[in-house]
């Protein structure tokens, strides 16, 4: 199973990468793909929305923090739009 989770980077100031990673891997383990980053001090976020949507459609589960970050960015609204488009094409 794949999860979207935070991977810590930076020694003194925490900066996190948002990665798609296998559940059995450690937090700093090898990731499948980097899909964004989050800086809690400067409150900056960058998300690669098409990659996030791709992993969510394939069944990836976001952790709580990644879910909240994605929700603020409107990723789930775009996911719903893509799902309704694919349903209307298939009908």
Protein backbone atom coordinates (compact mmCIF):
# COMPACT_ATOMS: atom_id res chain seq x y z
CA UNK A 1 0.00 0.00 0.00
CA UNK A 2 1.21 3.50 -0.83
CA UNK A 3 0.85 6.50 1.46
CA UNK A 4 1.37 10.20 0.92
CA UNK A 5 3.39 11.35 3.91
CA UNK A 6 5.90 13.92 5.11
CA UNK A 7 9.63 13.26 4.90
CA UNK A 8 11.77 15.54 7.05
CA UNK A 9 14.62 17.52 5.49
CA UNK A 10 16.74 20.16 7.13
CA UNK A 11 18.63 19.90 10.38
CA UNK A 12 17.88 23.00 12.41
CA UNK A 13 14.71 24.22 10.78
CA UNK A 14 12.24 21.52 9.82
CA UNK A 15 11.27 21.44 6.16
CA UNK A 16 9.24 18.53 4.87
CA UNK A 17 8.93 16.90 1.48
CA UNK A 18 5.59 15.39 0.63
CA UNK A 19 6.33 12.00 -0.89
CA UNK A 20 4.54 8.90 -2.10
CA UNK A 21 6.12 6.03 -0.20
CA UNK A 22 5.45 2.38 0.57
CA UNK A 23 3.85 1.86 3.98
CA UNK A 24 6.55 -0.57 5.09
CA UNK A 25 9.35 2.00 4.58
CA UNK A 26 10.77 4.25 7.27
CA UNK A 27 9.98 7.95 7.33
CA UNK A 28 13.35 8.72 5.75
CA UNK A 29 13.22 5.63 3.54
CA UNK A 30 13.28 5.52 -0.23
CA UNK A 31 10.28 7.24 -1.76
CA UNK A 32 8.46 6.42 -4.97
CA UNK A 33 8.05 10.05 -6.05
CA UNK A 34 8.31 13.52 -4.56
CA UNK A 35 4.99 15.33 -4.95
CA UNK A 36 5.61 18.57 -3.05
CA UNK A 37 7.11 20.27 -0.01
CA UNK A 38 5.90 22.02 3.12
CA UNK A 39 7.70 24.64 5.23
CA UNK A 40 5.83 25.11 8.52
CA UNK A 41 7.95 28.07 9.67
CA UNK A 42 7.35 30.23 6.57
CA UNK A 43 3.97 28.55 5.99
CA UNK A 44 4.85 27.81 2.36
CA UNK A 45 3.55 24.88 0.40
CA UNK A 46 4.22 23.58 -3.09
CA UNK A 47 2.15 20.69 -4.41
CA UNK A 48 2.45 18.86 -7.70
CA UNK A 49 -1.32 18.40 -8.00
CA UNK A 50 -1.39 16.08 -11.05
CA UNK A 51 0.97 13.64 -9.32
CA UNK A 52 -1.04 13.75 -6.09
CA UNK A 53 -4.27 13.10 -7.96
CA UNK A 54 -2.61 10.23 -9.84
CA UNK A 55 -1.60 8.51 -6.58
CA UNK A 56 -4.98 9.16 -4.94
CA UNK A 57 -6.77 7.60 -7.92
CA UNK A 58 -4.51 4.55 -7.64
CA UNK A 59 -5.53 4.10 -3.98
CA UNK A 60 -2.84 5.94 -2.01
CA UNK A 61 -3.87 7.09 1.46
CA UNK A 62 -2.69 10.51 2.72
CA UNK A 63 -1.65 10.91 6.35
CA UNK A 64 -3.58 13.38 8.47
CA UNK A 65 -1.21 16.29 7.97
CA UNK A 66 -0.87 15.71 4.22
CA UNK A 67 -4.67 15.44 4.00
CA UNK A 68 -5.07 18.83 5.69
CA UNK A 69 -2.42 20.45 3.45
CA UNK A 70 -4.03 19.00 0.33
CA UNK A 71 -7.49 20.03 1.44
CA UNK A 72 -6.38 23.66 1.86
CA UNK A 73 -4.93 23.57 -1.66
CA UNK A 74 -8.17 22.21 -3.14
CA UNK A 75 -6.73 18.91 -4.37
CA UNK A 76 -9.83 16.92 -3.41
CA UNK A 77 -12.12 19.26 -5.36
CA UNK A 78 -10.02 18.65 -8.47
CA UNK A 79 -10.11 14.91 -7.75
CA UNK A 80 -13.92 15.00 -7.67
CA UNK A 81 -14.01 16.96 -10.92
CA UNK A 82 -11.74 14.39 -12.59
CA UNK A 83 -13.88 11.52 -11.30
CA UNK A 84 -17.11 13.07 -12.59
CA UNK A 85 -15.48 13.70 -15.98
CA UNK A 86 -14.32 10.09 -16.23
CA UNK A 87 -17.79 8.83 -15.25
CA UNK A 88 -19.48 10.98 -17.89
CA UNK A 89 -17.02 9.77 -20.55
CA UNK A 90 -17.62 6.13 -19.62
CA UNK A 91 -21.43 6.48 -19.67
